[in-house]
Amino acid sequence: MSSELVWFKSSHSSNEGGECVEVGWRKSTHSGDEGGNCVEIAETTSAVLVRDSKDKSGPHLTFSPAAWEAFVEYARSA
């Protein structure tokens, strides 16, 4: 299994083949823009990484894809 990040094209990049930015981390859609509690995730085929978006160079948590899916499913049902 690969442990490389899954890259996402920036939503601010045009489709005209110009300069594009790709990011491996993406911010939770449930994080507000008010500077509150924000998390970002990066997915690989063998792991899901989670970090505090306000401390990008700080520590991150690593989950197996199955454990992350179970967490998300639980959080949605709560």
PDB file of N, CA and C in Angstrom:
ATOM      1  N   MET A   1       0.828  -1.200   0.000  1.00  0.00           N
ATOM      2  CA  MET A   1       0.000   0.000   0.000  1.00  0.00           C
ATOM      3  C   MET A   1       0.865   1.254   0.000  1.00  0.00           C
ATOM      4  N   SER A   2       0.413   2.268  -0.671  1.00  0.00           N
ATOM      5  CA  SER A   2       1.133   3.529  -0.732  1.00  0.00           C
ATOM      6  C   SER A   2       0.820   4.366   0.500  1.00  0.00           C
ATOM      7  N   SER A   3       1.811   5.134   0.946  1.00  0.00           N
ATOM      8  CA  SER A   3       1.566   6.037   2.069  1.00  0.00           C
ATOM      9  C   SER A   3       1.648   7.488   1.616  1.00  0.00           C
ATOM     10  N   GLU A   4       1.539   7.721   0.299  1.00  0.00           N
ATOM     11  CA  GLU A   4       1.599   9.074  -0.220  1.00  0.00           C
ATOM     12  C   GLU A   4       0.283   9.802   0.026  1.00  0.00           C
ATOM     13  N   LEU A   5       0.365  11.128   0.156  1.00  0.00           N
ATOM     14  CA  LEU A   5      -0.825  11.935   0.339  1.00  0.00           C
ATOM     15  C   LEU A   5      -1.670  11.937  -0.917  1.00  0.00           C
ATOM     16  N   VAL A   6      -2.979  12.020  -0.748  1.00  0.00           N
ATOM     17  CA  VAL A   6      -3.891  12.219  -1.862  1.00  0.00           C
ATOM     18  C   VAL A   6      -3.979  13.722  -2.071  1.00  0.00           C
ATOM     19  N   TRP A   7      -3.631  14.217  -3.244  1.00  0.00           N
ATOM     20  CA  TRP A   7      -3.567  15.652  -3.505  1.00  0.00           C
ATOM     21  C   TRP A   7      -4.890  16.173  -4.026  1.00  0.00           C
ATOM     22  N   PHE A   8      -5.237  17.389  -3.632  1.00  0.00           N
ATOM     23  CA  PHE A   8      -6.459  18.049  -4.055  1.00  0.00           C
ATOM     24  C   PHE A   8      -6.100  19.366  -4.708  1.00  0.00           C
ATOM     25  N   LYS A   9      -6.697  19.663  -5.866  1.00  0.00           N
ATOM     26  CA  LYS A   9      -6.462  20.928  -6.547  1.00  0.00           C
ATOM     27  C   LYS A   9      -7.186  22.043  -5.794  1.00  0.00           C
ATOM     28  N   SER A  10      -6.514  23.149  -5.620  1.00  0.00           N
ATOM     29  CA  SER A  10      -7.095  24.291  -4.933  1.00  0.00           C
ATOM     30  C   SER A  10      -8.345  24.774  -5.664  1.00  0.00           C
ATOM     31  N   SER A  11      -9.369  25.120  -4.909  1.00  0.00           N
ATOM     32  CA  SER A  11     -10.594  25.641  -5.519  1.00  0.00           C
ATOM     33  C   SER A  11     -10.370  27.037  -6.106  1.00  0.00           C
ATOM     34  N   HIS A  12      -9.227  27.663  -5.796  1.00  0.00           N
ATOM     35  CA  HIS A  12      -8.904  28.985  -6.328  1.00  0.00           C
ATOM     36  C   HIS A  12      -8.091  28.906  -7.613  1.00  0.00           C
ATOM     37  N   SER A  13      -7.779  27.692  -8.095  1.00  0.00           N
ATOM     38  CA  SER A  13      -7.055  27.509  -9.347  1.00  0.00           C
ATOM     39  C   SER A  13      -8.040  27.508 -10.506  1.00  0.00           C
ATOM     40  N   SER A  14      -7.619  28.065 -11.630  1.00  0.00           N
ATOM     41  CA  SER A  14      -8.513  28.088 -12.792  1.00  0.00           C
ATOM     42  C   SER A  14      -8.399  26.777 -13.550  1.00  0.00           C
ATOM     43  N   ASN A  15      -9.333  26.537 -14.438  1.00  0.00           N
ATOM     44  CA  ASN A  15      -9.316  25.345 -15.284  1.00  0.00           C
ATOM     45  C   ASN A  15      -8.622  25.611 -16.612  1.00  0.00           C
ATOM     46  N   GLU A  16      -7.951  26.754 -16.740  1.00  0.00           N
ATOM     47  CA  GLU A  16      -7.325  27.145 -17.999  1.00  0.00           C
ATOM     48  C   GLU A  16      -5.878  26.667 -18.115  1.00  0.00           C
ATOM     49  N   GLY A  17      -5.415  25.808 -17.218  1.00  0.00           N
ATOM     50  CA  GLY A  17      -4.065  25.290 -17.299  1.00  0.00           C
ATOM     51  C   GLY A  17      -3.016  26.239 -16.764  1.00  0.00           C
ATOM     52  N   GLY A  18      -3.420  27.276 -16.094  1.00  0.00           N
ATOM     53  CA  GLY A  18      -2.485  28.232 -15.523  1.00  0.00           C
ATOM     54  C   GLY A  18      -1.845  27.692 -14.261  1.00  0.00           C
ATOM     55  N   GLU A  19      -1.350  28.588 -13.457  1.00  0.00           N
ATOM     56  CA  GLU A  19      -0.712  28.191 -12.217  1.00  0.00           C
ATOM     57  C   GLU A  19      -1.737  27.603 -11.267  1.00  0.00           C
ATOM     58  N   CYS A  20      -1.467  26.414 -10.782  1.00  0.00           N
ATOM     59  CA  CYS A  20      -2.382  25.721  -9.883  1.00  0.00           C
ATOM     60  C   CYS A  20      -1.657  25.385  -8.585  1.00  0.00           C
ATOM     61  N   VAL A  21      -2.394  25.352  -7.530  1.00  0.00           N
ATOM     62  CA  VAL A  21      -1.863  24.948  -6.246  1.00  0.00           C
ATOM     63  C   VAL A  21      -2.565  23.664  -5.844  1.00  0.00           C
ATOM     64  N   GLU A  22      -1.795  22.659  -5.466  1.00  0.00           N
ATOM     65  CA  GLU A  22      -2.375  21.420  -4.972  1.00  0.00           C
ATOM     66  C   GLU A  22      -2.004  21.276  -3.507  1.00  0.00           C
ATOM     67  N   VAL A  23      -2.948  20.796  -2.734  1.00  0.00           N
ATOM     68  CA  VAL A  23      -2.714  20.647  -1.300  1.00  0.00           C
ATOM     69  C   VAL A  23      -3.065  19.240  -0.865  1.00  0.00           C
ATOM     70  N   GLY A  24      -2.294  18.715   0.068  1.00  0.00           N
ATOM     71  CA  GLY A  24      -2.573  17.397   0.608  1.00  0.00           C
ATOM     72  C   GLY A  24      -3.489  17.462   1.815  1.00  0.00           C
ATOM     73  N   TRP A  25      -3.461  18.576   2.523  1.00  0.00           N
ATOM     74  CA  TRP A  25      -4.322  18.761   3.686  1.00  0.00           C
ATOM     75  C   TRP A  25      -5.569  19.497   3.255  1.00  0.00           C
ATOM     76  N   ARG A  26      -6.714  19.120   3.812  1.00  0.00           N
ATOM     77  CA  ARG A  26      -7.943  19.862   3.543  1.00  0.00           C
ATOM     78  C   ARG A  26      -8.664  20.110   4.857  1.00  0.00           C
ATOM     79  N   LYS A  27      -9.260  21.273   4.931  1.00  0.00           N
ATOM     80  CA  LYS A  27      -9.940  21.715   6.148  1.00  0.00           C
ATOM     81  C   LYS A  27     -11.315  21.071   6.237  1.00  0.00           C
ATOM     82  N   SER A  28     -11.727  20.726   7.438  1.00  0.00           N
ATOM     83  CA  SER A  28     -13.051  20.155   7.654  1.00  0.00           C
ATOM     84  C   SER A  28     -14.122  21.117   7.171  1.00  0.00           C
ATOM     85  N   THR A  29     -15.144  20.585   6.517  1.00  0.00           N
ATOM     86  CA  THR A  29     -16.249  21.427   6.067  1.00  0.00           C
ATOM     87  C   THR A  29     -17.085  21.926   7.247  1.00  0.00           C
ATOM     88  N   HIS A  30     -16.883  21.350   8.425  1.00  0.00           N
ATOM     89  CA  HIS A  30     -17.618  21.787   9.615  1.00  0.00           C
ATOM     90  C   HIS A  30     -16.822  22.784  10.442  1.00  0.00           C
ATOM     91  N   SER A  31     -15.633  23.163   9.977  1.00  0.00           N
ATOM     92  CA  SER A  31     -14.841  24.174  10.656  1.00  0.00           C
ATOM     93  C   SER A  31     -15.310  25.536  10.199  1.00  0.00           C
ATOM     94  N   GLY A  32     -15.516  26.419  11.125  1.00  0.00           N
ATOM     95  CA  GLY A  32     -15.952  27.769  10.779  1.00  0.00           C
ATOM     96  C   GLY A  32     -14.788  28.632  10.347  1.00  0.00           C
ATOM     97  N   ASP A  33     -15.085  29.774   9.774  1.00  0.00           N
ATOM     98  CA  ASP A  33     -14.051  30.719   9.367  1.00  0.00           C
ATOM     99  C   ASP A  33     -13.765  31.741  10.466  1.00  0.00           C
ATOM    100  N   GLU A  34     -14.331  31.545  11.628  1.00  0.00           N
ATOM    101  CA  GLU A  34     -14.176  32.511  12.707  1.00  0.00           C
ATOM    102  C   GLU A  34     -12.895  32.293  13.512  1.00  0.00           C
ATOM    103  N   GLY A  35     -12.037  31.368  13.092  1.00  0.00           N
ATOM    104  CA  GLY A  35     -10.805  31.118  13.827  1.00  0.00           C
ATOM    105  C   GLY A  35     -11.009  30.217  15.028  1.00  0.00           C
ATOM    106  N   GLY A  36     -12.098  29.499  15.063  1.00  0.00           N
ATOM    107  CA  GLY A  36     -12.395  28.622  16.191  1.00  0.00           C
ATOM    108  C   GLY A  36     -11.710  27.281  16.074  1.00  0.00           C
ATOM    109  N   ASN A  37     -12.395  26.238  16.493  1.00  0.00           N
ATOM    110  CA  ASN A  37     -11.843  24.892  16.466  1.00  0.00           C
ATOM    111  C   ASN A  37     -11.849  24.365  15.040  1.00  0.00           C
ATOM    112  N   CYS A  38     -10.669  24.227  14.452  1.00  0.00           N
ATOM    113  CA  CYS A  38     -10.567  23.786  13.067  1.00  0.00           C
ATOM    114  C   CYS A  38      -9.633  22.592  12.966  1.00  0.00           C
ATOM    115  N   VAL A  39     -10.023  21.632  12.162  1.00  0.00           N
ATOM    116  CA  VAL A  39      -9.152  20.491  11.902  1.00  0.00           C
ATOM    117  C   VAL A  39      -8.968  20.343  10.400  1.00  0.00           C
ATOM    118  N   GLU A  40      -7.820  19.781  10.036  1.00  0.00           N
ATOM    119  CA  GLU A  40      -7.531  19.460   8.650  1.00  0.00           C
ATOM    120  C   GLU A  40      -7.177  17.988   8.587  1.00  0.00           C
ATOM    121  N   ILE A  41      -7.496  17.363   7.449  1.00  0.00           N
ATOM    122  CA  ILE A  41      -7.132  15.959   7.271  1.00  0.00           C
ATOM    123  C   ILE A  41      -6.357  15.801   5.973  1.00  0.00           C
ATOM    124  N   ALA A  42      -5.543  14.764   5.941  1.00  0.00           N
ATOM    125  CA  ALA A  42      -4.851  14.344   4.725  1.00  0.00           C
ATOM    126  C   ALA A  42      -5.001  12.837   4.662  1.00  0.00           C
ATOM    127  N   GLU A  43      -5.363  12.325   3.489  1.00  0.00           N
ATOM    128  CA  GLU A  43      -5.627  10.898   3.344  1.00  0.00           C
ATOM    129  C   GLU A  43      -4.560  10.230   2.493  1.00  0.00           C
ATOM    130  N   THR A  44      -4.147   9.043   2.905  1.00  0.00           N
ATOM    131  CA  THR A  44      -3.323   8.165   2.096  1.00  0.00           C
ATOM    132  C   THR A  44      -4.085   6.856   1.983  1.00  0.00           C
ATOM    133  N   THR A  45      -3.559   5.924   1.242  1.00  0.00           N
ATOM    134  CA  THR A  45      -4.246   4.640   1.130  1.00  0.00           C
ATOM    135  C   THR A  45      -4.138   3.831   2.408  1.00  0.00           C
ATOM    136  N   SER A  46      -3.170   4.177   3.267  1.00  0.00           N
ATOM    137  CA  SER A  46      -2.980   3.395   4.487  1.00  0.00           C
ATOM    138  C   SER A  46      -3.228   4.172   5.771  1.00  0.00           C
ATOM    139  N   ALA A  47      -3.522   5.483   5.683  1.00  0.00           N
ATOM    140  CA  ALA A  47      -3.711   6.266   6.901  1.00  0.00           C
ATOM    141  C   ALA A  47      -4.504   7.533   6.615  1.00  0.00           C
ATOM    142  N   VAL A  48      -5.132   8.045   7.677  1.00  0.00           N
ATOM    143  CA  VAL A  48      -5.767   9.357   7.644  1.00  0.00           C
ATOM    144  C   VAL A  48      -5.075  10.169   8.729  1.00  0.00           C
ATOM    145  N   LEU A  49      -4.524  11.323   8.338  1.00  0.00           N
ATOM    146  CA  LEU A  49      -3.811  12.198   9.270  1.00  0.00           C
ATOM    147  C   LEU A  49      -4.724  13.355   9.648  1.00  0.00           C
ATOM    148  N   VAL A  50      -4.700  13.760  10.900  1.00  0.00           N
ATOM    149  CA  VAL A  50      -5.550  14.840  11.398  1.00  0.00           C
ATOM    150  C   VAL A  50      -4.678  15.808  12.172  1.00  0.00           C
ATOM    151  N   ARG A  51      -4.839  17.112  11.912  1.00  0.00           N
ATOM    152  CA  ARG A  51      -4.052  18.123  12.630  1.00  0.00           C
ATOM    153  C   ARG A  51      -4.906  19.347  12.922  1.00  0.00           C
ATOM    154  N   ASP A  52      -4.416  20.175  13.825  1.00  0.00           N
ATOM    155  CA  ASP A  52      -5.032  21.453  14.166  1.00  0.00           C
ATOM    156  C   ASP A  52      -4.643  22.445  13.076  1.00  0.00           C
ATOM    157  N   SER A  53      -5.610  23.044  12.414  1.00  0.00           N
ATOM    158  CA  SER A  53      -5.302  23.958  11.314  1.00  0.00           C
ATOM    159  C   SER A  53      -4.588  25.220  11.781  1.00  0.00           C
ATOM    160  N   LYS A  54      -4.657  25.525  13.060  1.00  0.00           N
ATOM    161  CA  LYS A  54      -3.985  26.710  13.585  1.00  0.00           C
ATOM    162  C   LYS A  54      -2.539  26.423  13.975  1.00  0.00           C
ATOM    163  N   ASP A  55      -2.141  25.145  13.979  1.00  0.00           N
ATOM    164  CA  ASP A  55      -0.778  24.753  14.352  1.00  0.00           C
ATOM    165  C   ASP A  55      -0.262  23.743  13.328  1.00  0.00           C
ATOM    166  N   LYS A  56      -0.073  24.215  12.098  1.00  0.00           N
ATOM    167  CA  LYS A  56       0.255  23.326  10.980  1.00  0.00           C
ATOM    168  C   LYS A  56       1.570  22.573  11.168  1.00  0.00           C
ATOM    169  N   SER A  57       2.506  23.128  11.898  1.00  0.00           N
ATOM    170  CA  SER A  57       3.780  22.432  12.109  1.00  0.00           C
ATOM    171  C   SER A  57       3.764  21.606  13.393  1.00  0.00           C
ATOM    172  N   GLY A  58       2.651  21.619  14.084  1.00  0.00           N
ATOM    173  CA  GLY A  58       2.523  20.867  15.327  1.00  0.00           C
ATOM    174  C   GLY A  58       2.259  19.389  15.070  1.00  0.00           C
ATOM    175  N   PRO A  59       1.936  18.652  16.110  1.00  0.00           N
ATOM    176  CA  PRO A  59       1.720  17.209  15.980  1.00  0.00           C
ATOM    177  C   PRO A  59       0.441  16.894  15.202  1.00  0.00           C
ATOM    178  N   HIS A  60       0.351  15.680  14.731  1.00  0.00           N
ATOM    179  CA  HIS A  60      -0.863  15.214  14.071  1.00  0.00           C
ATOM    180  C   HIS A  60      -1.192  13.813  14.574  1.00  0.00           C
ATOM    181  N   LEU A  61      -2.444  13.458  14.448  1.00  0.00           N
ATOM    182  CA  LEU A  61      -2.912  12.122  14.809  1.00  0.00           C
ATOM    183  C   LEU A  61      -2.980  11.281  13.549  1.00  0.00           C
ATOM    184  N   THR A  62      -2.734   9.992  13.678  1.00  0.00           N
ATOM    185  CA  THR A  62      -2.791   9.076  12.546  1.00  0.00           C
ATOM    186  C   THR A  62      -3.790   7.968  12.844  1.00  0.00           C
ATOM    187  N   PHE A  63      -4.724   7.759  11.926  1.00  0.00           N
ATOM    188  CA  PHE A  63      -5.749   6.725  12.069  1.00  0.00           C
ATOM    189  C   PHE A  63      -5.699   5.800  10.862  1.00  0.00           C
ATOM    190  N   SER A  64      -6.087   4.565  11.058  1.00  0.00           N
ATOM    191  CA  SER A  64      -6.279   3.682   9.901  1.00  0.00           C
ATOM    192  C   SER A  64      -7.538   4.169   9.186  1.00  0.00           C
ATOM    193  N   PRO A  65      -7.645   3.931   7.881  1.00  0.00           N
ATOM    194  CA  PRO A  65      -8.872   4.345   7.182  1.00  0.00           C
ATOM    195  C   PRO A  65     -10.139   3.771   7.821  1.00  0.00           C
ATOM    196  N   ALA A  66     -10.082   2.512   8.286  1.00  0.00           N
ATOM    197  CA  ALA A  66     -11.266   1.903   8.907  1.00  0.00           C
ATOM    198  C   ALA A  66     -11.619   2.600  10.221  1.00  0.00           C
ATOM    199  N   ALA A  67     -10.608   2.927  11.024  1.00  0.00           N
ATOM    200  CA  ALA A  67     -10.871   3.616  12.295  1.00  0.00           C
ATOM    201  C   ALA A  67     -11.436   5.006  12.043  1.00  0.00           C
ATOM    202  N   TRP A  68     -10.904   5.723  11.044  1.00  0.00           N
ATOM    203  CA  TRP A  68     -11.407   7.061  10.723  1.00  0.00           C
ATOM    204  C   TRP A  68     -12.859   6.984  10.250  1.00  0.00           C
ATOM    205  N   GLU A  69     -13.154   6.022   9.381  1.00  0.00           N
ATOM    206  CA  GLU A  69     -14.515   5.862   8.886  1.00  0.00           C
ATOM    207  C   GLU A  69     -15.488   5.572  10.024  1.00  0.00           C
ATOM    208  N   ALA A  70     -15.059   4.726  10.975  1.00  0.00           N
ATOM    209  CA  ALA A  70     -15.907   4.413  12.131  1.00  0.00           C
ATOM    210  C   ALA A  70     -16.132   5.659  12.980  1.00  0.00           C
ATOM    211  N   PHE A  71     -15.095   6.478  13.166  1.00  0.00           N
ATOM    212  CA  PHE A  71     -15.225   7.724  13.933  1.00  0.00           C
ATOM    213  C   PHE A  71     -16.217   8.657  13.248  1.00  0.00           C
ATOM    214  N   VAL A  72     -16.055   8.867  11.934  1.00  0.00           N
ATOM    215  CA  VAL A  72     -16.944   9.766  11.206  1.00  0.00           C
ATOM    216  C   VAL A  72     -18.373   9.281  11.254  1.00  0.00           C
ATOM    217  N   GLU A  73     -18.560   7.985  11.099  1.00  0.00           N
ATOM    218  CA  GLU A  73     -19.913   7.411  11.175  1.00  0.00           C
ATOM    219  C   GLU A  73     -20.522   7.648  12.549  1.00  0.00           C
ATOM    220  N   TYR A  74     -19.737   7.440  13.602  1.00  0.00           N
ATOM    221  CA  TYR A  74     -20.214   7.680  14.960  1.00  0.00           C
ATOM    222  C   TYR A  74     -20.558   9.155  15.171  1.00  0.00           C
ATOM    223  N   ALA A  75     -19.666  10.052  14.699  1.00  0.00           N
ATOM    224  CA  ALA A  75     -19.892  11.485  14.886  1.00  0.00           C
ATOM    225  C   ALA A  75     -21.155  11.947  14.166  1.00  0.00           C
ATOM    226  N   ARG A  76     -21.408  11.383  12.999  1.00  0.00           N
ATOM    227  CA  ARG A  76     -22.617  11.760  12.248  1.00  0.00           C
ATOM    228  C   ARG A  76     -23.881  11.301  12.967  1.00  0.00           C
ATOM    229  N   SER A  77     -23.813  10.182  13.677  1.00  0.00           N
ATOM    230  CA  SER A  77     -25.005   9.645  14.337  1.00  0.00           C
ATOM    231  C   SER A  77     -25.251  10.271  15.707  1.00  0.00           C
ATOM    232  N   ALA A  78     -24.277  10.973  16.229  1.00  0.00           N
ATOM    233  CA  ALA A  78     -24.400  11.543  17.596  1.00  0.00           C
ATOM    234  C   ALA A  78     -25.227  12.803  17.602  1.00  0.00           C
TER     235      ALA A  78
END
